[in-house]
Amino acid sequence: MIQRYGLVALLIVLGAAWGLTQPLTKIAVRDGAGPLGLIVWQLFIGAVLMCGYLAAMGQLRRFSSVQLRFCTVIGVIGTIIPNTTSFTAAYSLPGGVMSIVIASVPMFAFPIALAPWE
């Protein structure tokens, strides 16, 4: 029973943290933080946390140059370009509009992913 309450509390904390991303993004870009600077810190903190976790679990390994090239391309296409666009749009659009747009992404992405492609 205690584990269930802990998981519910974790869900609430994660939901609140996700909900704060748009207001905090709006504050950051309004106060002059550049999109690439925000992305660098976001990715750096995530990479340090993930590497620390993998090292603690004994799963940290080296990558080949082919794997690093692949990860770089995926990072540029899947993270840097979309986040730069999002941070640039957050400067001009109200936070509520940005929240609705970001929340609607899965409503369009999931049906497209499930569609049979031939």
PDB file of N, CA and C in Angstrom:
ATOM      1  N   MET A   1       0.817  -1.190   0.000  1.00  0.00           N
ATOM      2  CA  MET A   1       0.000   0.000   0.000  1.00  0.00           C
ATOM      3  C   MET A   1       0.867   1.262   0.000  1.00  0.00           C
ATOM      4  N   ILE A   2       1.963   1.223   0.776  1.00  0.00           N
ATOM      5  CA  ILE A   2       2.850   2.385   0.825  1.00  0.00           C
ATOM      6  C   ILE A   2       3.522   2.593  -0.527  1.00  0.00           C
ATOM      7  N   GLN A   3       3.876   1.501  -1.194  1.00  0.00           N
ATOM      8  CA  GLN A   3       4.502   1.632  -2.506  1.00  0.00           C
ATOM      9  C   GLN A   3       3.549   2.329  -3.480  1.00  0.00           C
ATOM     10  N   ARG A   4       2.265   2.021  -3.385  1.00  0.00           N
ATOM     11  CA  ARG A   4       1.283   2.651  -4.275  1.00  0.00           C
ATOM     12  C   ARG A   4       1.224   4.153  -4.037  1.00  0.00           C
ATOM     13  N   TYR A   5       1.215   4.583  -2.776  1.00  0.00           N
ATOM     14  CA  TYR A   5       1.195   6.012  -2.474  1.00  0.00           C
ATOM     15  C   TYR A   5       2.471   6.694  -2.963  1.00  0.00           C
ATOM     16  N   GLY A   6       3.583   6.004  -2.858  1.00  0.00           N
ATOM     17  CA  GLY A   6       4.839   6.556  -3.359  1.00  0.00           C
ATOM     18  C   GLY A   6       4.799   6.753  -4.866  1.00  0.00           C
ATOM     19  N   LEU A   7       4.216   5.783  -5.579  1.00  0.00           N
ATOM     20  CA  LEU A   7       4.111   5.909  -7.031  1.00  0.00           C
ATOM     21  C   LEU A   7       3.136   7.011  -7.428  1.00  0.00           C
ATOM     22  N   VAL A   8       2.053   7.156  -6.680  1.00  0.00           N
ATOM     23  CA  VAL A   8       1.105   8.236  -6.954  1.00  0.00           C
ATOM     24  C   VAL A   8       1.775   9.587  -6.700  1.00  0.00           C
ATOM     25  N   ALA A   9       2.539   9.693  -5.624  1.00  0.00           N
ATOM     26  CA  ALA A   9       3.258  10.936  -5.333  1.00  0.00           C
ATOM     27  C   ALA A   9       4.273  11.239  -6.428  1.00  0.00           C
ATOM     28  N   LEU A  10       4.973  10.218  -6.907  1.00  0.00           N
ATOM     29  CA  LEU A  10       5.932  10.408  -7.997  1.00  0.00           C
ATOM     30  C   LEU A  10       5.220  10.886  -9.255  1.00  0.00           C
ATOM     31  N   LEU A  11       4.070  10.301  -9.546  1.00  0.00           N
ATOM     32  CA  LEU A  11       3.286  10.723 -10.712  1.00  0.00           C
ATOM     33  C   LEU A  11       2.859  12.188 -10.596  1.00  0.00           C
ATOM     34  N   ILE A  12       2.456  12.597  -9.414  1.00  0.00           N
ATOM     35  CA  ILE A  12       2.048  13.991  -9.205  1.00  0.00           C
ATOM     36  C   ILE A  12       3.238  14.927  -9.374  1.00  0.00           C
ATOM     37  N   VAL A  13       4.377  14.565  -8.813  1.00  0.00           N
ATOM     38  CA  VAL A  13       5.574  15.399  -8.933  1.00  0.00           C
ATOM     39  C   VAL A  13       6.021  15.503 -10.394  1.00  0.00           C
ATOM     40  N   LEU A  14       6.031  14.375 -11.105  1.00  0.00           N
ATOM     41  CA  LEU A  14       6.435  14.404 -12.513  1.00  0.00           C
ATOM     42  C   LEU A  14       5.445  15.194 -13.358  1.00  0.00           C
ATOM     43  N   GLY A  15       4.158  15.075 -13.077  1.00  0.00           N
ATOM     44  CA  GLY A  15       3.158  15.855 -13.802  1.00  0.00           C
ATOM     45  C   GLY A  15       3.314  17.345 -13.553  1.00  0.00           C
ATOM     46  N   ALA A  16       3.585  17.707 -12.301  1.00  0.00           N
ATOM     47  CA  ALA A  16       3.791  19.127 -11.980  1.00  0.00           C
ATOM     48  C   ALA A  16       5.059  19.651 -12.657  1.00  0.00           C
ATOM     49  N   ALA A  17       6.110  18.838 -12.671  1.00  0.00           N
ATOM     50  CA  ALA A  17       7.353  19.255 -13.332  1.00  0.00           C
ATOM     51  C   ALA A  17       7.124  19.434 -14.827  1.00  0.00           C
ATOM     52  N   TRP A  18       6.385  18.515 -15.453  1.00  0.00           N
ATOM     53  CA  TRP A  18       6.095  18.637 -16.883  1.00  0.00           C
ATOM     54  C   TRP A  18       5.234  19.873 -17.136  1.00  0.00           C
ATOM     55  N   GLY A  19       4.270  20.137 -16.260  1.00  0.00           N
ATOM     56  CA  GLY A  19       3.417  21.304 -16.415  1.00  0.00           C
ATOM     57  C   GLY A  19       4.164  22.618 -16.251  1.00  0.00           C
ATOM     58  N   LEU A  20       5.245  22.604 -15.509  1.00  0.00           N
ATOM     59  CA  LEU A  20       6.039  23.821 -15.312  1.00  0.00           C
ATOM     60  C   LEU A  20       6.973  24.120 -16.482  1.00  0.00           C
ATOM     61  N   THR A  21       7.142  23.187 -17.403  1.00  0.00           N
ATOM     62  CA  THR A  21       8.118  23.411 -18.467  1.00  0.00           C
ATOM     63  C   THR A  21       7.759  24.609 -19.335  1.00  0.00           C
ATOM     64  N   GLN A  22       6.506  24.789 -19.669  1.00  0.00           N
ATOM     65  CA  GLN A  22       6.137  25.922 -20.530  1.00  0.00           C
ATOM     66  C   GLN A  22       6.286  27.263 -19.830  1.00  0.00           C
ATOM     67  N   PRO A  23       5.790  27.430 -18.602  1.00  0.00           N
ATOM     68  CA  PRO A  23       6.024  28.718 -17.939  1.00  0.00           C
ATOM     69  C   PRO A  23       7.507  29.021 -17.731  1.00  0.00           C
ATOM     70  N   LEU A  24       8.288  28.002 -17.379  1.00  0.00           N
ATOM     71  CA  LEU A  24       9.724  28.229 -17.183  1.00  0.00           C
ATOM     72  C   LEU A  24      10.426  28.532 -18.501  1.00  0.00           C
ATOM     73  N   THR A  25      10.004  27.883 -19.579  1.00  0.00           N
ATOM     74  CA  THR A  25      10.557  28.189 -20.899  1.00  0.00           C
ATOM     75  C   THR A  25      10.238  29.618 -21.282  1.00  0.00           C
ATOM     76  N   LYS A  26       9.005  30.025 -21.051  1.00  0.00           N
ATOM     77  CA  LYS A  26       8.581  31.392 -21.370  1.00  0.00           C
ATOM     78  C   LYS A  26       9.419  32.406 -20.586  1.00  0.00           C
ATOM     79  N   ILE A  27       9.649  32.147 -19.316  1.00  0.00           N
ATOM     80  CA  ILE A  27      10.464  33.043 -18.490  1.00  0.00           C
ATOM     81  C   ILE A  27      11.899  33.088 -19.008  1.00  0.00           C
ATOM     82  N   ALA A  28      12.452  31.923 -19.347  1.00  0.00           N
ATOM     83  CA  ALA A  28      13.844  31.864 -19.800  1.00  0.00           C
ATOM     84  C   ALA A  28      14.045  32.627 -21.103  1.00  0.00           C
ATOM     85  N   VAL A  29      13.173  32.411 -22.085  1.00  0.00           N
ATOM     86  CA  VAL A  29      13.369  33.090 -23.367  1.00  0.00           C
ATOM     87  C   VAL A  29      13.017  34.570 -23.256  1.00  0.00           C
ATOM     88  N   ARG A  30      12.091  34.924 -22.392  1.00  0.00           N
ATOM     89  CA  ARG A  30      11.748  36.337 -22.204  1.00  0.00           C
ATOM     90  C   ARG A  30      12.917  37.101 -21.589  1.00  0.00           C
ATOM     91  N   ASP A  31      13.659  36.434 -20.708  1.00  0.00           N
ATOM     92  CA  ASP A  31      14.773  37.087 -20.032  1.00  0.00           C
ATOM     93  C   ASP A  31      16.067  37.032 -20.830  1.00  0.00           C
ATOM     94  N   GLY A  32      16.015  36.534 -22.067  1.00  0.00           N
ATOM     95  CA  GLY A  32      17.169  36.636 -22.946  1.00  0.00           C
ATOM     96  C   GLY A  32      18.001  35.382 -23.141  1.00  0.00           C
ATOM     97  N   ALA A  33      17.593  34.248 -22.591  1.00  0.00           N
ATOM     98  CA  ALA A  33      18.350  33.015 -22.813  1.00  0.00           C
ATOM     99  C   ALA A  33      18.155  32.569 -24.257  1.00  0.00           C
ATOM    100  N   GLY A  34      19.239  32.244 -24.936  1.00  0.00           N
ATOM    101  CA  GLY A  34      19.161  31.799 -26.319  1.00  0.00           C
ATOM    102  C   GLY A  34      18.715  30.353 -26.416  1.00  0.00           C
ATOM    103  N   PRO A  35      18.064  29.998 -27.511  1.00  0.00           N
ATOM    104  CA  PRO A  35      17.588  28.618 -27.672  1.00  0.00           C
ATOM    105  C   PRO A  35      18.721  27.584 -27.605  1.00  0.00           C
ATOM    106  N   LEU A  36      19.840  27.855 -28.258  1.00  0.00           N
ATOM    107  CA  LEU A  36      20.924  26.861 -28.250  1.00  0.00           C
ATOM    108  C   LEU A  36      21.544  26.712 -26.868  1.00  0.00           C
ATOM    109  N   GLY A  37      21.622  27.801 -26.117  1.00  0.00           N
ATOM    110  CA  GLY A  37      22.127  27.707 -24.746  1.00  0.00           C
ATOM    111  C   GLY A  37      21.222  26.870 -23.869  1.00  0.00           C
ATOM    112  N   LEU A  38      19.917  27.056 -24.010  1.00  0.00           N
ATOM    113  CA  LEU A  38      18.963  26.250 -23.244  1.00  0.00           C
ATOM    114  C   LEU A  38      19.071  24.771 -23.609  1.00  0.00           C
ATOM    115  N   ILE A  39      19.218  24.503 -24.898  1.00  0.00           N
ATOM    116  CA  ILE A  39      19.314  23.109 -25.355  1.00  0.00           C
ATOM    117  C   ILE A  39      20.584  22.463 -24.847  1.00  0.00           C
ATOM    118  N   VAL A  40      21.703  23.189 -24.900  1.00  0.00           N
ATOM    119  CA  VAL A  40      22.982  22.631 -24.426  1.00  0.00           C
ATOM    120  C   VAL A  40      22.868  22.242 -22.964  1.00  0.00           C
ATOM    121  N   TRP A  41      22.334  23.117 -22.114  1.00  0.00           N
ATOM    122  CA  TRP A  41      22.220  22.793 -20.694  1.00  0.00           C
ATOM    123  C   TRP A  41      21.231  21.666 -20.444  1.00  0.00           C
ATOM    124  N   GLN A  42      20.130  21.666 -21.174  1.00  0.00           N
ATOM    125  CA  GLN A  42      19.134  20.603 -21.023  1.00  0.00           C
ATOM    126  C   GLN A  42      19.759  19.248 -21.360  1.00  0.00           C
ATOM    127  N   LEU A  43      20.457  19.178 -22.480  1.00  0.00           N
ATOM    128  CA  LEU A  43      21.057  17.911 -22.900  1.00  0.00           C
ATOM    129  C   LEU A  43      22.236  17.531 -22.015  1.00  0.00           C
ATOM    130  N   PHE A  44      23.016  18.513 -21.576  1.00  0.00           N
ATOM    131  CA  PHE A  44      24.167  18.230 -20.721  1.00  0.00           C
ATOM    132  C   PHE A  44      23.727  17.613 -19.396  1.00  0.00           C
ATOM    133  N   ILE A  45      22.717  18.210 -18.777  1.00  0.00           N
ATOM    134  CA  ILE A  45      22.235  17.685 -17.497  1.00  0.00           C
ATOM    135  C   ILE A  45      21.669  16.280 -17.679  1.00  0.00           C
ATOM    136  N   GLY A  46      20.888  16.062 -18.740  1.00  0.00           N
ATOM    137  CA  GLY A  46      20.350  14.728 -19.004  1.00  0.00           C
ATOM    138  C   GLY A  46      21.440  13.705 -19.270  1.00  0.00           C
ATOM    139  N   ALA A  47      22.463  14.095 -20.033  1.00  0.00           N
ATOM    140  CA  ALA A  47      23.558  13.175 -20.346  1.00  0.00           C
ATOM    141  C   ALA A  47      24.362  12.826 -19.100  1.00  0.00           C
ATOM    142  N   VAL A  48      24.624  13.799 -18.246  1.00  0.00           N
ATOM    143  CA  VAL A  48      25.375  13.533 -17.016  1.00  0.00           C
ATOM    144  C   VAL A  48      24.584  12.596 -16.106  1.00  0.00           C
ATOM    145  N   LEU A  49      23.290  12.850 -15.962  1.00  0.00           N
ATOM    146  CA  LEU A  49      22.471  11.973 -15.119  1.00  0.00           C
ATOM    147  C   LEU A  49      22.412  10.555 -15.679  1.00  0.00           C
ATOM    148  N   MET A  50      22.235  10.430 -17.003  1.00  0.00           N
ATOM    149  CA  MET A  50      22.152   9.108 -17.608  1.00  0.00           C
ATOM    150  C   MET A  50      23.488   8.368 -17.528  1.00  0.00           C
ATOM    151  N   CYS A  51      24.589   9.065 -17.779  1.00  0.00           N
ATOM    152  CA  CYS A  51      25.905   8.417 -17.681  1.00  0.00           C
ATOM    153  C   CYS A  51      26.193   7.987 -16.250  1.00  0.00           C
ATOM    154  N   GLY A  52      25.800   8.815 -15.283  1.00  0.00           N
ATOM    155  CA  GLY A  52      25.983   8.436 -13.877  1.00  0.00           C
ATOM    156  C   GLY A  52      25.179   7.201 -13.521  1.00  0.00           C
ATOM    157  N   TYR A  53      23.949   7.140 -14.001  1.00  0.00           N
ATOM    158  CA  TYR A  53      23.112   5.968 -13.740  1.00  0.00           C
ATOM    159  C   TYR A  53      23.698   4.726 -14.398  1.00  0.00           C
ATOM    160  N   LEU A  54      24.105   4.846 -15.664  1.00  0.00           N
ATOM    161  CA  LEU A  54      24.684   3.692 -16.369  1.00  0.00           C
ATOM    162  C   LEU A  54      25.983   3.245 -15.726  1.00  0.00           C
ATOM    163  N   ALA A  55      26.795   4.180 -15.283  1.00  0.00           N
ATOM    164  CA  ALA A  55      28.050   3.817 -14.608  1.00  0.00           C
ATOM    165  C   ALA A  55      27.759   3.088 -13.296  1.00  0.00           C
ATOM    166  N   ALA A  56      26.765   3.566 -12.551  1.00  0.00           N
ATOM    167  CA  ALA A  56      26.404   2.921 -11.287  1.00  0.00           C
ATOM    168  C   ALA A  56      25.872   1.510 -11.515  1.00  0.00           C
ATOM    169  N   MET A  57      25.191   1.301 -12.643  1.00  0.00           N
ATOM    170  CA  MET A  57      24.644  -0.021 -12.947  1.00  0.00           C
ATOM    171  C   MET A  57      25.657  -0.914 -13.673  1.00  0.00           C
ATOM    172  N   GLY A  58      26.833  -0.383 -13.993  1.00  0.00           N
ATOM    173  CA  GLY A  58      27.848  -1.163 -14.704  1.00  0.00           C
ATOM    174  C   GLY A  58      27.525  -1.367 -16.174  1.00  0.00           C
ATOM    175  N   GLN A  59      26.712  -0.502 -16.762  1.00  0.00           N
ATOM    176  CA  GLN A  59      26.280  -0.650 -18.147  1.00  0.00           C
ATOM    177  C   GLN A  59      26.925   0.364 -19.096  1.00  0.00           C
ATOM    178  N   LEU A  60      27.777   1.253 -18.584  1.00  0.00           N
ATOM    179  CA  LEU A  60      28.399   2.281 -19.413  1.00  0.00           C
ATOM    180  C   LEU A  60      29.407   1.627 -20.357  1.00  0.00           C
ATOM    181  N   ARG A  61      29.328   1.960 -21.649  1.00  0.00           N
ATOM    182  CA  ARG A  61      30.238   1.363 -22.622  1.00  0.00           C
ATOM    183  C   ARG A  61      30.658   2.400 -23.644  1.00  0.00           C
ATOM    184  N   ARG A  62      31.648   2.053 -24.439  1.00  0.00           N
ATOM    185  CA  ARG A  62      32.136   2.952 -25.485  1.00  0.00           C
ATOM    186  C   ARG A  62      31.331   2.738 -26.755  1.00  0.00           C
ATOM    187  N   PHE A  63      31.246   3.808 -27.552  1.00  0.00           N
ATOM    188  CA  PHE A  63      30.532   3.746 -28.812  1.00  0.00           C
ATOM    189  C   PHE A  63      31.526   3.793 -29.965  1.00  0.00           C
ATOM    190  N   SER A  64      31.171   3.146 -31.054  1.00  0.00           N
ATOM    191  CA  SER A  64      31.999   3.216 -32.260  1.00  0.00           C
ATOM    192  C   SER A  64      31.736   4.540 -32.965  1.00  0.00           C
ATOM    193  N   SER A  65      32.571   4.858 -33.940  1.00  0.00           N
ATOM    194  CA  SER A  65      32.384   6.114 -34.669  1.00  0.00           C
ATOM    195  C   SER A  65      31.082   6.092 -35.475  1.00  0.00           C
ATOM    196  N   VAL A  66      30.687   4.931 -35.972  1.00  0.00           N
ATOM    197  CA  VAL A  66      29.429   4.822 -36.711  1.00  0.00           C
ATOM    198  C   VAL A  66      28.249   5.107 -35.774  1.00  0.00           C
ATOM    199  N   GLN A  67      28.282   4.555 -34.582  1.00  0.00           N
ATOM    200  CA  GLN A  67      27.214   4.794 -33.617  1.00  0.00           C
ATOM    201  C   GLN A  67      27.158   6.260 -33.200  1.00  0.00           C
ATOM    202  N   LEU A  68      28.318   6.883 -33.003  1.00  0.00           N
ATOM    203  CA  LEU A  68      28.349   8.291 -32.630  1.00  0.00           C
ATOM    204  C   LEU A  68      27.813   9.179 -33.746  1.00  0.00           C
ATOM    205  N   ARG A  69      28.145   8.851 -35.002  1.00  0.00           N
ATOM    206  CA  ARG A  69      27.606   9.610 -36.134  1.00  0.00           C
ATOM    207  C   ARG A  69      26.091   9.477 -36.203  1.00  0.00           C
ATOM    208  N   PHE A  70      25.593   8.263 -36.029  1.00  0.00           N
ATOM    209  CA  PHE A  70      24.153   8.017 -36.043  1.00  0.00           C
ATOM    210  C   PHE A  70      23.457   8.799 -34.934  1.00  0.00           C
ATOM    211  N   CYS A  71      24.001   8.753 -33.724  1.00  0.00           N
ATOM    212  CA  CYS A  71      23.411   9.469 -32.593  1.00  0.00           C
ATOM    213  C   CYS A  71      23.450  10.978 -32.815  1.00  0.00           C
ATOM    214  N   THR A  72      24.499  11.469 -33.459  1.00  0.00           N
ATOM    215  CA  THR A  72      24.593  12.899 -33.750  1.00  0.00           C
ATOM    216  C   THR A  72      23.506  13.324 -34.732  1.00  0.00           C
ATOM    217  N   VAL A  73      23.304  12.543 -35.785  1.00  0.00           N
ATOM    218  CA  VAL A  73      22.260  12.875 -36.764  1.00  0.00           C
ATOM    219  C   VAL A  73      20.885  12.838 -36.104  1.00  0.00           C
ATOM    220  N   ILE A  74      20.613  11.812 -35.330  1.00  0.00           N
ATOM    221  CA  ILE A  74      19.331  11.703 -34.643  1.00  0.00           C
ATOM    222  C   ILE A  74      19.159  12.849 -33.644  1.00  0.00           C
ATOM    223  N   GLY A  75      20.227  13.222 -32.968  1.00  0.00           N
ATOM    224  CA  GLY A  75      20.155  14.337 -32.025  1.00  0.00           C
ATOM    225  C   GLY A  75      19.842  15.655 -32.702  1.00  0.00           C
ATOM    226  N   VAL A  76      20.450  15.889 -33.849  1.00  0.00           N
ATOM    227  CA  VAL A  76      20.188  17.142 -34.573  1.00  0.00           C
ATOM    228  C   VAL A  76      18.751  17.164 -35.098  1.00  0.00           C
ATOM    229  N   ILE A  77      18.342  16.071 -35.731  1.00  0.00           N
ATOM    230  CA  ILE A  77      17.009  16.023 -36.334  1.00  0.00           C
ATOM    231  C   ILE A  77      15.906  15.944 -35.274  1.00  0.00           C
ATOM    232  N   GLY A  78      16.138  15.171 -34.228  1.00  0.00           N
ATOM    233  CA  GLY A  78      15.081  14.918 -33.256  1.00  0.00           C
ATOM    234  C   GLY A  78      15.085  15.806 -32.035  1.00  0.00           C
ATOM    235  N   THR A  79      16.187  16.540 -31.792  1.00  0.00           N
ATOM    236  CA  THR A  79      16.250  17.355 -30.587  1.00  0.00           C
ATOM    237  C   THR A  79      16.597  18.808 -30.882  1.00  0.00           C
ATOM    238  N   ILE A  80      17.697  19.034 -31.552  1.00  0.00           N
ATOM    239  CA  ILE A  80      18.179  20.408 -31.713  1.00  0.00           C
ATOM    240  C   ILE A  80      17.242  21.233 -32.585  1.00  0.00           C
ATOM    241  N   ILE A  81      16.841  20.717 -33.736  1.00  0.00           N
ATOM    242  CA  ILE A  81      15.960  21.486 -34.622  1.00  0.00           C
ATOM    243  C   ILE A  81      14.584  21.711 -33.985  1.00  0.00           C
ATOM    244  N   PRO A  82      13.906  20.661 -33.464  1.00  0.00           N
ATOM    245  CA  PRO A  82      12.590  20.910 -32.849  1.00  0.00           C
ATOM    246  C   PRO A  82      12.647  21.812 -31.617  1.00  0.00           C
ATOM    247  N   ASN A  83      13.653  21.623 -30.762  1.00  0.00           N
ATOM    248  CA  ASN A  83      13.737  22.448 -29.562  1.00  0.00           C
ATOM    249  C   ASN A  83      14.074  23.892 -29.891  1.00  0.00           C
ATOM    250  N   THR A  84      14.938  24.113 -30.876  1.00  0.00           N
ATOM    251  CA  THR A  84      15.242  25.479 -31.291  1.00  0.00           C
ATOM    252  C   THR A  84      13.980  26.160 -31.798  1.00  0.00           C
ATOM    253  N   THR A  85      13.216  25.448 -32.604  1.00  0.00           N
ATOM    254  CA  THR A  85      11.953  25.993 -33.107  1.00  0.00           C
ATOM    255  C   THR A  85      10.984  26.279 -31.965  1.00  0.00           C
ATOM    256  N   SER A  86      10.891  25.363 -31.020  1.00  0.00           N
ATOM    257  CA  SER A  86       9.981  25.527 -29.888  1.00  0.00           C
ATOM    258  C   SER A  86      10.380  26.723 -29.020  1.00  0.00           C
ATOM    259  N   PHE A  87      11.665  26.852 -28.709  1.00  0.00           N
ATOM    260  CA  PHE A  87      12.124  27.960 -27.883  1.00  0.00           C
ATOM    261  C   PHE A  87      11.961  29.295 -28.605  1.00  0.00           C
ATOM    262  N   THR A  88      12.168  29.293 -29.924  1.00  0.00           N
ATOM    263  CA  THR A  88      11.979  30.512 -30.695  1.00  0.00           C
ATOM    264  C   THR A  88      10.501  30.914 -30.720  1.00  0.00           C
ATOM    265  N   ALA A  89       9.612  29.930 -30.870  1.00  0.00           N
ATOM    266  CA  ALA A  89       8.177  30.212 -30.866  1.00  0.00           C
ATOM    267  C   ALA A  89       7.707  30.647 -29.479  1.00  0.00           C
ATOM    268  N   ALA A  90       8.312  30.115 -28.432  1.00  0.00           N
ATOM    269  CA  ALA A  90       7.900  30.462 -27.071  1.00  0.00           C
ATOM    270  C   ALA A  90       8.139  31.932 -26.771  1.00  0.00           C
ATOM    271  N   TYR A  91       9.074  32.544 -27.483  1.00  0.00           N
ATOM    272  CA  TYR A  91       9.329  33.969 -27.279  1.00  0.00           C
ATOM    273  C   TYR A  91       8.136  34.804 -27.716  1.00  0.00           C
ATOM    274  N   SER A  92       7.466  34.385 -28.784  1.00  0.00           N
ATOM    275  CA  SER A  92       6.381  35.190 -29.362  1.00  0.00           C
ATOM    276  C   SER A  92       4.988  34.754 -28.934  1.00  0.00           C
ATOM    277  N   LEU A  93       4.798  33.473 -28.687  1.00  0.00           N
ATOM    278  CA  LEU A  93       3.454  32.960 -28.390  1.00  0.00           C
ATOM    279  C   LEU A  93       3.177  32.939 -26.893  1.00  0.00           C
ATOM    280  N   PRO A  94       1.909  33.074 -26.498  1.00  0.00           N
ATOM    281  CA  PRO A  94       1.559  32.936 -25.082  1.00  0.00           C
ATOM    282  C   PRO A  94       1.809  31.506 -24.589  1.00  0.00           C
ATOM    283  N   GLY A  95       2.071  31.378 -23.293  1.00  0.00           N
ATOM    284  CA  GLY A  95       2.347  30.071 -22.710  1.00  0.00           C
ATOM    285  C   GLY A  95       1.204  29.082 -22.872  1.00  0.00           C
ATOM    286  N   GLY A  96      -0.039  29.555 -22.794  1.00  0.00           N
ATOM    287  CA  GLY A  96      -1.196  28.676 -22.949  1.00  0.00           C
ATOM    288  C   GLY A  96      -1.270  28.066 -24.336  1.00  0.00           C
ATOM    289  N   VAL A  97      -0.984  28.873 -25.346  1.00  0.00           N
ATOM    290  CA  VAL A  97      -0.994  28.370 -26.728  1.00  0.00           C
ATOM    291  C   VAL A  97       0.106  27.322 -26.909  1.00  0.00           C
ATOM    292  N   MET A  98       1.280  27.609 -26.381  1.00  0.00           N
ATOM    293  CA  MET A  98       2.385  26.645 -26.489  1.00  0.00           C
ATOM    294  C   MET A  98       2.030  25.329 -25.783  1.00  0.00           C
ATOM    295  N   SER A  99       1.399  25.411 -24.624  1.00  0.00           N
ATOM    296  CA  SER A  99       1.012  24.194 -23.897  1.00  0.00           C
ATOM    297  C   SER A  99       0.018  23.370 -24.696  1.00  0.00           C
ATOM    298  N   ILE A 100      -0.948  24.024 -25.321  1.00  0.00           N
ATOM    299  CA  ILE A 100      -1.944  23.300 -26.123  1.00  0.00           C
ATOM    300  C   ILE A 100      -1.284  22.662 -27.337  1.00  0.00           C
ATOM    301  N   VAL A 101      -0.408  23.387 -28.000  1.00  0.00           N
ATOM    302  CA  VAL A 101       0.279  22.842 -29.174  1.00  0.00           C
ATOM    303  C   VAL A 101       1.120  21.632 -28.799  1.00  0.00           C
ATOM    304  N   ILE A 102       1.880  21.733 -27.716  1.00  0.00           N
ATOM    305  CA  ILE A 102       2.744  20.621 -27.307  1.00  0.00           C
ATOM    306  C   ILE A 102       1.908  19.430 -26.844  1.00  0.00           C
ATOM    307  N   ALA A 103       0.799  19.689 -26.150  1.00  0.00           N
ATOM    308  CA  ALA A 103      -0.055  18.585 -25.696  1.00  0.00           C
ATOM    309  C   ALA A 103      -0.769  17.910 -26.857  1.00  0.00           C
ATOM    310  N   SER A 104      -0.944  18.614 -27.968  1.00  0.00           N
ATOM    311  CA  SER A 104      -1.637  18.016 -29.114  1.00  0.00           C
ATOM    312  C   SER A 104      -0.716  17.174 -30.004  1.00  0.00           C
ATOM    313  N   VAL A 105       0.573  17.247 -29.796  1.00  0.00           N
ATOM    314  CA  VAL A 105       1.500  16.479 -30.634  1.00  0.00           C
ATOM    315  C   VAL A 105       1.199  14.984 -30.617  1.00  0.00           C
ATOM    316  N   PRO A 106       1.005  14.342 -29.448  1.00  0.00           N
ATOM    317  CA  PRO A 106       0.700  12.903 -29.476  1.00  0.00           C
ATOM    318  C   PRO A 106      -0.606  12.567 -30.191  1.00  0.00           C
ATOM    319  N   MET A 107      -1.568  13.493 -30.168  1.00  0.00           N
ATOM    320  CA  MET A 107      -2.841  13.221 -30.846  1.00  0.00           C
ATOM    321  C   MET A 107      -2.646  13.087 -32.355  1.00  0.00           C
ATOM    322  N   PHE A 108      -1.626  13.734 -32.889  1.00  0.00           N
ATOM    323  CA  PHE A 108      -1.331  13.615 -34.314  1.00  0.00           C
ATOM    324  C   PHE A 108      -0.279  12.544 -34.588  1.00  0.00           C
ATOM    325  N   ALA A 109       0.681  12.393 -33.686  1.00  0.00           N
ATOM    326  CA  ALA A 109       1.790  11.471 -33.921  1.00  0.00           C
ATOM    327  C   ALA A 109       1.354  10.009 -33.803  1.00  0.00           C
ATOM    328  N   PHE A 110       0.561   9.665 -32.802  1.00  0.00           N
ATOM    329  CA  PHE A 110       0.197   8.267 -32.584  1.00  0.00           C
ATOM    330  C   PHE A 110      -0.633   7.688 -33.738  1.00  0.00           C
ATOM    331  N   PRO A 111      -1.658   8.389 -34.236  1.00  0.00           N
ATOM    332  CA  PRO A 111      -2.368   7.826 -35.388  1.00  0.00           C
ATOM    333  C   PRO A 111      -1.483   7.669 -36.628  1.00  0.00           C
ATOM    334  N   ILE A 112      -0.579   8.605 -36.830  1.00  0.00           N
ATOM    335  CA  ILE A 112       0.337   8.491 -37.969  1.00  0.00           C
ATOM    336  C   ILE A 112       1.257   7.288 -37.777  1.00  0.00           C
ATOM    337  N   ALA A 113       1.719   7.083 -36.541  1.00  0.00           N
ATOM    338  CA  ALA A 113       2.601   5.932 -36.278  1.00  0.00           C
ATOM    339  C   ALA A 113       1.867   4.617 -36.438  1.00  0.00           C
ATOM    340  N   LEU A 114       0.581   4.588 -36.135  1.00  0.00           N
ATOM    341  CA  LEU A 114      -0.195   3.356 -36.223  1.00  0.00           C
ATOM    342  C   LEU A 114      -0.738   3.089 -37.638  1.00  0.00           C
ATOM    343  N   ALA A 115      -0.702   4.098 -38.478  1.00  0.00           N
ATOM    344  CA  ALA A 115      -1.248   3.924 -39.835  1.00  0.00           C
ATOM    345  C   ALA A 115      -0.439   2.889 -40.611  1.00  0.00           C
ATOM    346  N   PRO A 116      -1.125   2.048 -41.386  1.00  0.00           N
ATOM    347  CA  PRO A 116      -0.383   1.056 -42.168  1.00  0.00           C
ATOM    348  C   PRO A 116       0.288   1.741 -43.381  1.00  0.00           C
ATOM    349  N   TRP A 117       1.606   1.640 -43.426  1.00  0.00           N
ATOM    350  CA  TRP A 117       2.370   2.229 -44.525  1.00  0.00           C
ATOM    351  C   TRP A 117       2.821   1.135 -45.459  1.00  0.00           C
ATOM    352  N   GLU A 118       2.684   1.370 -46.717  1.00  0.00           N
ATOM    353  CA  GLU A 118       3.071   0.342 -47.694  1.00  0.00           C
ATOM    354  C   GLU A 118       4.133   0.839 -48.605  1.00  0.00           C
TER     355      GLU A 118
END
